[in-house]
Amino acid sequence: MVIEEFFEIDESYLDEIAKLYRSAFKGEPWNDDWSDTAQLREYLKDVSGDFKDLNYGLKNEGKLVAVSLGTVRHWWEGTNYNIEEFCVDPAVQGQGIGSHFLDLIESDIRTKGLAGIFLQTDNDMPSYRFYLKNGFSDLTKHVSLYKSVKE
């Protein structure tokens, strides 16, 4: 598969991003219900830093096939690209596109002088193995906490 275009994506792609995101996460193992389009659009704006931070897209044959939405965060070790959401069109998964996309992102953030990439995922999901395969390390001491405040 020949990738046509790697680019910094902006809000003008919001509808395409929403369609890709919904497709990537509607099935197993996630089973996310993003039927509320307005809620999905707001979520994507949130995780992209309102498209003011650093967000990437990858097109093949004119179609958006991968997206990485994230923010630039300053940390004592240096400035990082924090990936909030990363997805590849299910129709092209397993063809090396996600790994290639990560390589392109890594190269681009390196030229921008960033120190690293940070992300979170569940260790019981296929994405965990994907990120390990692509050189990410498990921060075994790092813990994410959550508290529901719903009644």
C-alpha atoms as a PDB file:
ATOM      1  CA  MET A   1       0.000   0.000   0.000  1.00  0.00           C
ATOM      2  CA  VAL A   2       1.388   3.391  -0.979  1.00  0.00           C
ATOM      3  CA  ILE A   3       0.696   6.171   1.465  1.00  0.00           C
ATOM      4  CA  GLU A   4      -0.064   9.418  -0.311  1.00  0.00           C
ATOM      5  CA  GLU A   5       0.098  11.994   2.413  1.00  0.00           C
ATOM      6  CA  PHE A   6       1.277  12.450   6.009  1.00  0.00           C
ATOM      7  CA  PHE A   7       0.218  15.809   7.405  1.00  0.00           C
ATOM      8  CA  GLU A   8      -0.672  17.866  10.446  1.00  0.00           C
ATOM      9  CA  ILE A   9      -4.435  17.573  10.574  1.00  0.00           C
ATOM     10  CA  ASP A  10      -6.735  20.425  11.497  1.00  0.00           C
ATOM     11  CA  GLU A  11     -10.378  20.990  12.413  1.00  0.00           C
ATOM     12  CA  SER A  12     -11.446  21.069   8.765  1.00  0.00           C
ATOM     13  CA  TYR A  13     -11.136  17.245   8.895  1.00  0.00           C
ATOM     14  CA  LEU A  14     -13.370  16.873  11.960  1.00  0.00           C
ATOM     15  CA  ASP A  15     -16.154  15.010  10.128  1.00  0.00           C
ATOM     16  CA  GLU A  16     -13.666  12.604   8.504  1.00  0.00           C
ATOM     17  CA  ILE A  17     -11.895  12.069  11.823  1.00  0.00           C
ATOM     18  CA  ALA A  18     -15.230  11.349  13.548  1.00  0.00           C
ATOM     19  CA  LYS A  19     -16.157   8.803  10.873  1.00  0.00           C
ATOM     20  CA  LEU A  20     -12.775   7.044  11.134  1.00  0.00           C
ATOM     21  CA  TYR A  21     -12.790   7.129  14.943  1.00  0.00           C
ATOM     22  CA  ARG A  22     -16.328   5.747  15.168  1.00  0.00           C
ATOM     23  CA  SER A  23     -15.402   2.938  12.751  1.00  0.00           C
ATOM     24  CA  ALA A  24     -12.189   2.068  14.596  1.00  0.00           C
ATOM     25  CA  PHE A  25     -13.749   1.818  18.047  1.00  0.00           C
ATOM     26  CA  LYS A  26     -17.277   0.514  17.424  1.00  0.00           C
ATOM     27  CA  GLY A  27     -16.294  -3.161  17.232  1.00  0.00           C
ATOM     28  CA  GLU A  28     -14.406  -5.622  19.393  1.00  0.00           C
ATOM     29  CA  PRO A  29     -12.709  -5.282  21.752  1.00  0.00           C
ATOM     30  CA  TRP A  30     -13.771  -1.693  22.517  1.00  0.00           C
ATOM     31  CA  ASN A  31     -17.471  -1.655  21.583  1.00  0.00           C
ATOM     32  CA  ASP A  32     -17.660   2.123  22.058  1.00  0.00           C
ATOM     33  CA  ASP A  33     -21.038   3.670  21.296  1.00  0.00           C
ATOM     34  CA  TRP A  34     -20.336   6.999  19.611  1.00  0.00           C
ATOM     35  CA  SER A  35     -23.821   7.347  18.119  1.00  0.00           C
ATOM     36  CA  ASP A  36     -24.094  10.845  19.612  1.00  0.00           C
ATOM     37  CA  THR A  37     -22.252  12.772  16.890  1.00  0.00           C
ATOM     38  CA  ALA A  38     -22.256  16.058  18.803  1.00  0.00           C
ATOM     39  CA  GLN A  39     -20.653  14.357  21.816  1.00  0.00           C
ATOM     40  CA  LEU A  40     -18.053  12.683  19.569  1.00  0.00           C
ATOM     41  CA  ARG A  41     -17.166  15.981  17.879  1.00  0.00           C
ATOM     42  CA  GLU A  42     -16.687  17.682  21.272  1.00  0.00           C
ATOM     43  CA  TYR A  43     -14.567  14.773  22.510  1.00  0.00           C
ATOM     44  CA  LEU A  44     -12.321  14.936  19.445  1.00  0.00           C
ATOM     45  CA  LYS A  45     -11.900  18.671  19.915  1.00  0.00           C
ATOM     46  CA  ASP A  46     -10.984  18.070  23.566  1.00  0.00           C
ATOM     47  CA  VAL A  47      -8.316  15.436  22.899  1.00  0.00           C
ATOM     48  CA  SER A  48      -6.835  17.403  20.013  1.00  0.00           C
ATOM     49  CA  GLY A  49      -6.366  20.533  22.093  1.00  0.00           C
ATOM     50  CA  ASP A  50      -9.027  22.182  19.930  1.00  0.00           C
ATOM     51  CA  PHE A  51      -6.740  21.463  16.990  1.00  0.00           C
ATOM     52  CA  LYS A  52      -4.264  24.035  18.294  1.00  0.00           C
ATOM     53  CA  ASP A  53      -1.717  21.452  19.452  1.00  0.00           C
ATOM     54  CA  LEU A  54      -0.164  18.644  17.442  1.00  0.00           C
ATOM     55  CA  ASN A  55      -2.418  16.303  15.461  1.00  0.00           C
ATOM     56  CA  TYR A  56      -1.582  14.082  12.513  1.00  0.00           C
ATOM     57  CA  GLY A  57      -3.392  12.432   9.651  1.00  0.00           C
ATOM     58  CA  LEU A  58      -2.435   9.839   7.064  1.00  0.00           C
ATOM     59  CA  LYS A  59      -4.186   9.497   3.724  1.00  0.00           C
ATOM     60  CA  ASN A  60      -4.199   6.684   1.205  1.00  0.00           C
ATOM     61  CA  GLU A  61      -5.886   7.105  -2.171  1.00  0.00           C
ATOM     62  CA  GLY A  62      -7.402  10.369  -0.921  1.00  0.00           C
ATOM     63  CA  LYS A  63      -9.027   8.725   2.126  1.00  0.00           C
ATOM     64  CA  LEU A  64      -8.092   9.377   5.742  1.00  0.00           C
ATOM     65  CA  VAL A  65      -6.809   6.020   7.040  1.00  0.00           C
ATOM     66  CA  ALA A  66      -5.091   6.979  10.294  1.00  0.00           C
ATOM     67  CA  VAL A  67      -5.210   9.767  12.825  1.00  0.00           C
ATOM     68  CA  SER A  68      -3.258  10.733  15.931  1.00  0.00           C
ATOM     69  CA  LEU A  69      -4.740  13.407  18.167  1.00  0.00           C
ATOM     70  CA  GLY A  70      -2.654  14.840  20.941  1.00  0.00           C
ATOM     71  CA  THR A  71      -1.138  17.656  22.849  1.00  0.00           C
ATOM     72  CA  VAL A  72       2.316  19.052  23.495  1.00  0.00           C
ATOM     73  CA  ARG A  73       3.189  18.873  27.174  1.00  0.00           C
ATOM     74  CA  HIS A  74       6.189  20.337  28.947  1.00  0.00           C
ATOM     75  CA  TRP A  75       7.836  18.090  31.507  1.00  0.00           C
ATOM     76  CA  TRP A  76      11.056  18.210  33.504  1.00  0.00           C
ATOM     77  CA  GLU A  77      12.660  15.667  31.133  1.00  0.00           C
ATOM     78  CA  GLY A  78      11.684  17.682  28.097  1.00  0.00           C
ATOM     79  CA  THR A  79       8.696  18.476  25.924  1.00  0.00           C
ATOM     80  CA  ASN A  80       6.595  15.512  24.831  1.00  0.00           C
ATOM     81  CA  TYR A  81       3.902  14.717  22.328  1.00  0.00           C
ATOM     82  CA  ASN A  82       1.081  13.158  24.356  1.00  0.00           C
ATOM     83  CA  ILE A  83      -1.046  10.962  22.134  1.00  0.00           C
ATOM     84  CA  GLU A  84      -4.594  11.116  23.411  1.00  0.00           C
ATOM     85  CA  GLU A  85      -6.176   9.081  20.595  1.00  0.00           C
ATOM     86  CA  PHE A  86      -4.600   7.038  17.825  1.00  0.00           C
ATOM     87  CA  CYS A  87      -6.512   4.940  15.331  1.00  0.00           C
ATOM     88  CA  VAL A  88      -6.187   3.220  11.977  1.00  0.00           C
ATOM     89  CA  ASP A  89      -9.069   2.367   9.671  1.00  0.00           C
ATOM     90  CA  PRO A  90     -10.055  -1.245  10.481  1.00  0.00           C
ATOM     91  CA  ALA A  91     -10.140  -1.996   6.733  1.00  0.00           C
ATOM     92  CA  VAL A  92      -6.365  -1.495   6.515  1.00  0.00           C
ATOM     93  CA  GLN A  93      -5.210  -2.690   9.933  1.00  0.00           C
ATOM     94  CA  GLY A  94      -2.581  -5.415   9.957  1.00  0.00           C
ATOM     95  CA  GLN A  95      -0.774  -4.019   6.897  1.00  0.00           C
ATOM     96  CA  GLY A  96       1.901  -2.057   8.774  1.00  0.00           C
ATOM     97  CA  ILE A  97       0.182   1.298   8.328  1.00  0.00           C
ATOM     98  CA  GLY A  98      -0.035   2.014  12.061  1.00  0.00           C
ATOM     99  CA  SER A  99       3.662   1.268  12.570  1.00  0.00           C
ATOM    100  CA  HIS A 100       4.573   3.380   9.547  1.00  0.00           C
ATOM    101  CA  PHE A 101       2.377   6.191  10.851  1.00  0.00           C
ATOM    102  CA  LEU A 102       4.123   6.073  14.254  1.00  0.00           C
ATOM    103  CA  ASP A 103       7.518   6.211  12.496  1.00  0.00           C
ATOM    104  CA  LEU A 104       6.424   9.324  10.587  1.00  0.00           C
ATOM    105  CA  ILE A 105       5.149  10.952  13.784  1.00  0.00           C
ATOM    106  CA  GLU A 106       8.366  10.131  15.622  1.00  0.00           C
ATOM    107  CA  SER A 107      10.442  11.621  12.831  1.00  0.00           C
ATOM    108  CA  ASP A 108       8.333  14.784  12.740  1.00  0.00           C
ATOM    109  CA  ILE A 109       8.387  15.391  16.486  1.00  0.00           C
ATOM    110  CA  ARG A 110      12.151  14.815  16.493  1.00  0.00           C
ATOM    111  CA  THR A 111      12.564  17.601  13.906  1.00  0.00           C
ATOM    112  CA  LYS A 112      10.407  19.818  16.151  1.00  0.00           C
ATOM    113  CA  GLY A 113      12.839  19.208  19.027  1.00  0.00           C
ATOM    114  CA  LEU A 114      10.465  17.206  21.197  1.00  0.00           C
ATOM    115  CA  ALA A 115      11.889  14.678  23.659  1.00  0.00           C
ATOM    116  CA  GLY A 116       9.404  11.825  23.439  1.00  0.00           C
ATOM    117  CA  ILE A 117       5.934  10.413  23.003  1.00  0.00           C
ATOM    118  CA  PHE A 118       3.648   9.597  25.918  1.00  0.00           C
ATOM    119  CA  LEU A 119       0.367   7.702  25.732  1.00  0.00           C
ATOM    120  CA  GLN A 120      -1.924   5.556  27.799  1.00  0.00           C
ATOM    121  CA  THR A 121      -3.697   2.363  26.817  1.00  0.00           C
ATOM    122  CA  ASP A 122      -5.192  -0.669  28.527  1.00  0.00           C
ATOM    123  CA  ASN A 123      -2.824  -3.612  28.928  1.00  0.00           C
ATOM    124  CA  ASP A 124      -5.555  -6.095  27.975  1.00  0.00           C
ATOM    125  CA  MET A 125      -6.182  -4.538  24.551  1.00  0.00           C
ATOM    126  CA  PRO A 126      -4.461  -5.267  21.219  1.00  0.00           C
ATOM    127  CA  SER A 127      -3.157  -1.687  21.204  1.00  0.00           C
ATOM    128  CA  TYR A 128      -0.911  -2.510  24.183  1.00  0.00           C
ATOM    129  CA  ARG A 129       0.985  -5.151  22.211  1.00  0.00           C
ATOM    130  CA  PHE A 130       1.072  -2.851  19.168  1.00  0.00           C
ATOM    131  CA  TYR A 131       2.777  -0.076  21.131  1.00  0.00           C
ATOM    132  CA  LEU A 132       5.257  -2.456  22.778  1.00  0.00           C
ATOM    133  CA  LYS A 133       6.117  -3.839  19.319  1.00  0.00           C
ATOM    134  CA  ASN A 134       6.773  -0.275  18.178  1.00  0.00           C
ATOM    135  CA  GLY A 135       9.337   0.484  20.890  1.00  0.00           C
ATOM    136  CA  PHE A 136       7.203   1.926  23.684  1.00  0.00           C
ATOM    137  CA  SER A 137       8.009   0.938  27.262  1.00  0.00           C
ATOM    138  CA  ASP A 138       5.513  -0.022  29.909  1.00  0.00           C
ATOM    139  CA  LEU A 139       5.750   2.481  32.778  1.00  0.00           C
ATOM    140  CA  THR A 140       5.083  -0.146  35.422  1.00  0.00           C
ATOM    141  CA  LYS A 141       5.080   2.381  38.278  1.00  0.00           C
ATOM    142  CA  HIS A 142       2.692   4.745  36.479  1.00  0.00           C
ATOM    143  CA  VAL A 143      -0.903   4.335  37.581  1.00  0.00           C
ATOM    144  CA  SER A 144      -4.045   5.960  36.226  1.00  0.00           C
ATOM    145  CA  LEU A 145      -6.782   6.594  38.746  1.00  0.00           C
ATOM    146  CA  TYR A 146     -10.454   7.371  38.271  1.00  0.00           C
ATOM    147  CA  LYS A 147     -13.357   8.098  40.574  1.00  0.00           C
ATOM    148  CA  SER A 148     -16.963   8.136  39.374  1.00  0.00           C
ATOM    149  CA  VAL A 149     -19.107  10.859  40.892  1.00  0.00           C
ATOM    150  CA  LYS A 150     -22.387   9.798  39.298  1.00  0.00           C
ATOM    151  CA  GLU A 151     -25.272   9.118  41.616  1.00  0.00           C
END
